[in-house]
Amino acid sequence: MSRRRRPLVPHARAGLDALKARVANVSDPDQAKFEVAEELSVPLQQGYNGQLSAHDAGRVGGQLGGKMVKEMVRMALEAASQKDRL
């Protein structure tokens, strides 16, 4: 199964990076995965991480992606409720 590691809308990357940083409580989106890995006690480091199991790598990505999806749903619900008020 091939992976698509780029947003469907190329101009959305900056917004997605900002969201990633916000849900991980960091200022730099590139540090988000390291913050989540530290919270989960996964030994993620800069560079090659061949020693990580697929399970541990998935825990980091799943935690971060799950938080991003929850935040996007919350934002959509808030926008819909604002629209209903008008």
N, C-alpha and C. Protein backbone atom coordinates (compact mmCIF):
# COMPACT_ATOMS: atom_id res chain seq x y z
N MET A 1 0.85 -1.17 0.00
CA MET A 1 0.00 0.00 0.00
C MET A 1 0.89 1.24 0.00
N SER A 2 0.69 2.09 -0.98
CA SER A 2 1.54 3.28 -1.05
C SER A 2 1.05 4.33 -0.08
N ARG A 3 1.96 5.14 0.39
CA ARG A 3 1.64 6.22 1.32
C ARG A 3 1.68 7.55 0.59
N ARG A 4 0.81 8.43 0.97
CA ARG A 4 0.78 9.78 0.41
C ARG A 4 1.18 10.72 1.54
N ARG A 5 2.39 11.21 1.51
CA ARG A 5 2.92 12.01 2.60
C ARG A 5 2.83 13.51 2.32
N ARG A 6 1.87 13.90 1.52
CA ARG A 6 1.68 15.32 1.26
C ARG A 6 0.20 15.61 1.29
N PRO A 7 -0.15 16.81 1.71
CA PRO A 7 -1.58 17.16 1.77
C PRO A 7 -2.21 17.15 0.39
N LEU A 8 -3.48 16.83 0.34
CA LEU A 8 -4.21 16.85 -0.92
C LEU A 8 -4.22 18.26 -1.51
N VAL A 9 -4.33 19.26 -0.65
CA VAL A 9 -4.27 20.66 -1.06
C VAL A 9 -2.91 21.20 -0.62
N PRO A 10 -1.99 21.41 -1.56
CA PRO A 10 -0.62 21.81 -1.19
C PRO A 10 -0.54 23.06 -0.32
N HIS A 11 -1.44 24.01 -0.50
CA HIS A 11 -1.40 25.25 0.28
C HIS A 11 -1.85 25.05 1.72
N ALA A 12 -2.34 23.86 2.04
CA ALA A 12 -2.83 23.59 3.39
C ALA A 12 -1.71 23.18 4.34
N ARG A 13 -0.51 22.93 3.82
CA ARG A 13 0.58 22.44 4.66
C ARG A 13 0.88 23.36 5.84
N ALA A 14 0.93 24.65 5.63
CA ALA A 14 1.25 25.59 6.72
C ALA A 14 0.19 25.51 7.81
N GLY A 15 -1.06 25.44 7.43
CA GLY A 15 -2.14 25.34 8.41
C GLY A 15 -2.09 24.03 9.18
N LEU A 16 -1.80 22.94 8.48
CA LEU A 16 -1.69 21.64 9.14
C LEU A 16 -0.50 21.61 10.10
N ASP A 17 0.60 22.23 9.69
CA ASP A 17 1.77 22.29 10.58
C ASP A 17 1.45 23.10 11.83
N ALA A 18 0.73 24.20 11.66
CA ALA A 18 0.35 25.02 12.82
C ALA A 18 -0.57 24.25 13.75
N LEU A 19 -1.50 23.49 13.18
CA LEU A 19 -2.40 22.67 13.99
C LEU A 19 -1.63 21.59 14.74
N LYS A 20 -0.69 20.96 14.07
CA LYS A 20 0.13 19.93 14.70
C LYS A 20 0.89 20.49 15.89
N ALA A 21 1.47 21.67 15.72
CA ALA A 21 2.21 22.30 16.82
C ALA A 21 1.28 22.66 17.96
N ARG A 22 0.07 23.13 17.62
CA ARG A 22 -0.87 23.54 18.66
C ARG A 22 -1.35 22.35 19.50
N VAL A 23 -1.68 21.22 18.85
CA VAL A 23 -2.18 20.08 19.62
C VAL A 23 -1.07 19.41 20.44
N ALA A 24 0.19 19.59 20.01
CA ALA A 24 1.31 19.00 20.75
C ALA A 24 1.88 19.97 21.77
N ASN A 25 1.36 21.19 21.82
CA ASN A 25 1.83 22.22 22.75
C ASN A 25 3.31 22.54 22.58
N VAL A 26 3.72 22.71 21.32
CA VAL A 26 5.10 23.11 21.00
C VAL A 26 5.04 24.27 20.02
N SER A 27 6.13 24.99 19.89
CA SER A 27 6.15 26.12 18.95
C SER A 27 6.58 25.69 17.55
N ASP A 28 7.39 24.63 17.45
CA ASP A 28 7.90 24.16 16.16
C ASP A 28 7.20 22.85 15.79
N PRO A 29 6.48 22.80 14.65
CA PRO A 29 5.77 21.58 14.27
C PRO A 29 6.70 20.37 14.08
N ASP A 30 7.97 20.62 13.73
CA ASP A 30 8.91 19.51 13.56
C ASP A 30 9.24 18.84 14.89
N GLN A 31 9.01 19.52 16.00
CA GLN A 31 9.29 18.95 17.32
C GLN A 31 8.07 18.23 17.91
N ALA A 32 6.92 18.33 17.24
CA ALA A 32 5.69 17.75 17.78
C ALA A 32 5.80 16.25 18.01
N LYS A 33 6.36 15.53 17.03
CA LYS A 33 6.44 14.07 17.19
C LYS A 33 7.39 13.68 18.33
N PHE A 34 8.40 14.48 18.56
CA PHE A 34 9.32 14.18 19.65
C PHE A 34 8.67 14.43 21.01
N GLU A 35 7.84 15.45 21.08
CA GLU A 35 7.11 15.74 22.31
C GLU A 35 6.13 14.61 22.64
N VAL A 36 5.40 14.15 21.63
CA VAL A 36 4.45 13.05 21.82
C VAL A 36 5.19 11.77 22.18
N ALA A 37 6.32 11.51 21.51
CA ALA A 37 7.10 10.31 21.81
C ALA A 37 7.60 10.33 23.25
N GLU A 38 8.01 11.49 23.72
CA GLU A 38 8.47 11.62 25.11
C GLU A 38 7.33 11.33 26.08
N GLU A 39 6.13 11.84 25.78
CA GLU A 39 4.97 11.58 26.65
C GLU A 39 4.64 10.09 26.71
N LEU A 40 4.86 9.38 25.59
CA LEU A 40 4.54 7.95 25.52
C LEU A 40 5.71 7.06 25.90
N SER A 41 6.84 7.66 26.28
CA SER A 41 8.08 6.92 26.61
C SER A 41 8.58 6.07 25.45
N VAL A 42 8.47 6.63 24.25
CA VAL A 42 8.99 5.96 23.04
C VAL A 42 10.33 6.61 22.73
N PRO A 43 11.40 5.81 22.57
CA PRO A 43 12.75 6.37 22.36
C PRO A 43 12.98 6.89 20.94
N LEU A 44 12.24 7.90 20.54
CA LEU A 44 12.39 8.50 19.22
C LEU A 44 13.52 9.52 19.28
N GLN A 45 14.36 9.52 18.25
CA GLN A 45 15.48 10.45 18.22
C GLN A 45 15.61 11.05 16.82
N GLN A 46 16.37 12.11 16.70
CA GLN A 46 16.62 12.73 15.40
C GLN A 46 17.35 11.73 14.51
N GLY A 47 17.05 11.75 13.22
CA GLY A 47 17.74 10.88 12.28
C GLY A 47 17.10 9.51 12.18
N TYR A 48 17.95 8.50 12.03
CA TYR A 48 17.50 7.13 11.81
C TYR A 48 16.93 6.52 13.07
N ASN A 49 15.75 5.90 12.96
CA ASN A 49 15.09 5.26 14.09
C ASN A 49 14.75 3.80 13.78
N GLY A 50 15.68 3.10 13.17
CA GLY A 50 15.46 1.71 12.78
C GLY A 50 15.22 0.77 13.94
N GLN A 51 15.59 1.19 15.16
CA GLN A 51 15.42 0.35 16.33
C GLN A 51 13.97 0.37 16.83
N LEU A 52 13.17 1.32 16.36
CA LEU A 52 11.78 1.41 16.81
C LEU A 52 10.94 0.32 16.18
N SER A 53 10.05 -0.24 16.97
CA SER A 53 9.11 -1.21 16.41
C SER A 53 8.01 -0.45 15.68
N ALA A 54 7.33 -1.14 14.78
CA ALA A 54 6.22 -0.52 14.06
C ALA A 54 5.14 -0.11 15.05
N HIS A 55 4.98 -0.88 16.10
CA HIS A 55 3.98 -0.58 17.12
C HIS A 55 4.27 0.76 17.79
N ASP A 56 5.51 0.99 18.19
CA ASP A 56 5.88 2.24 18.85
C ASP A 56 5.76 3.43 17.90
N ALA A 57 6.21 3.25 16.66
CA ALA A 57 6.10 4.33 15.68
C ALA A 57 4.63 4.68 15.43
N GLY A 58 3.78 3.67 15.36
CA GLY A 58 2.36 3.89 15.15
C GLY A 58 1.70 4.57 16.32
N ARG A 59 2.19 4.28 17.53
CA ARG A 59 1.64 4.94 18.72
C ARG A 59 1.88 6.44 18.65
N VAL A 60 3.07 6.84 18.22
CA VAL A 60 3.40 8.26 18.13
C VAL A 60 2.55 8.94 17.06
N GLY A 61 2.52 8.37 15.87
CA GLY A 61 1.74 8.96 14.78
C GLY A 61 0.25 8.94 15.06
N GLY A 62 -0.23 7.87 15.65
CA GLY A 62 -1.65 7.76 15.96
C GLY A 62 -2.09 8.76 17.01
N GLN A 63 -1.27 8.94 18.01
CA GLN A 63 -1.59 9.90 19.08
C GLN A 63 -1.66 11.31 18.52
N LEU A 64 -0.68 11.66 17.72
CA LEU A 64 -0.63 13.01 17.15
C LEU A 64 -1.75 13.22 16.13
N GLY A 65 -1.94 12.26 15.25
CA GLY A 65 -3.01 12.38 14.25
C GLY A 65 -4.39 12.39 14.88
N GLY A 66 -4.58 11.58 15.92
CA GLY A 66 -5.86 11.55 16.61
C GLY A 66 -6.20 12.89 17.25
N LYS A 67 -5.20 13.50 17.85
CA LYS A 67 -5.42 14.82 18.47
C LYS A 67 -5.75 15.86 17.40
N MET A 68 -5.10 15.75 16.25
CA MET A 68 -5.36 16.70 15.17
C MET A 68 -6.79 16.55 14.65
N VAL A 69 -7.24 15.31 14.48
CA VAL A 69 -8.60 15.08 13.99
C VAL A 69 -9.62 15.58 15.00
N LYS A 70 -9.41 15.31 16.28
CA LYS A 70 -10.33 15.80 17.32
C LYS A 70 -10.43 17.32 17.28
N GLU A 71 -9.30 17.98 17.12
CA GLU A 71 -9.29 19.44 17.09
C GLU A 71 -10.01 19.96 15.84
N MET A 72 -9.80 19.31 14.69
CA MET A 72 -10.49 19.74 13.47
C MET A 72 -12.00 19.56 13.60
N VAL A 73 -12.45 18.47 14.21
CA VAL A 73 -13.89 18.26 14.42
C VAL A 73 -14.43 19.33 15.35
N ARG A 74 -13.71 19.63 16.43
CA ARG A 74 -14.14 20.67 17.36
C ARG A 74 -14.27 22.01 16.65
N MET A 75 -13.28 22.34 15.81
CA MET A 75 -13.30 23.60 15.07
C MET A 75 -14.49 23.65 14.10
N ALA A 76 -14.79 22.54 13.43
CA ALA A 76 -15.91 22.50 12.50
C ALA A 76 -17.24 22.66 13.23
N LEU A 77 -17.38 22.00 14.37
CA LEU A 77 -18.61 22.14 15.15
C LEU A 77 -18.78 23.57 15.65
N GLU A 78 -17.70 24.19 16.06
CA GLU A 78 -17.75 25.57 16.53
C GLU A 78 -18.15 26.50 15.37
N ALA A 79 -17.57 26.28 14.19
CA ALA A 79 -17.90 27.10 13.04
C ALA A 79 -19.36 26.91 12.64
N ALA A 80 -19.87 25.68 12.73
CA ALA A 80 -21.26 25.43 12.39
C ALA A 80 -22.20 26.10 13.38
N SER A 81 -21.85 26.08 14.65
CA SER A 81 -22.70 26.72 15.65
C SER A 81 -22.68 28.25 15.48
N GLN A 82 -21.55 28.81 15.08
CA GLN A 82 -21.45 30.25 14.81
C GLN A 82 -22.33 30.61 13.63
N LYS A 83 -22.34 29.74 12.61
CA LYS A 83 -23.12 29.98 11.40
C LYS A 83 -24.62 29.95 11.74
N ASP A 84 -25.01 29.04 12.63
CA ASP A 84 -26.41 28.91 13.03
C ASP A 84 -26.89 30.14 13.78
N ARG A 85 -26.00 30.81 14.50
CA ARG A 85 -26.36 31.99 15.28
C ARG A 85 -26.67 33.20 14.41
N LEU A 86 -26.10 33.21 13.20
CA LEU A 86 -26.29 34.36 12.31
C LEU A 86 -27.61 34.32 11.64
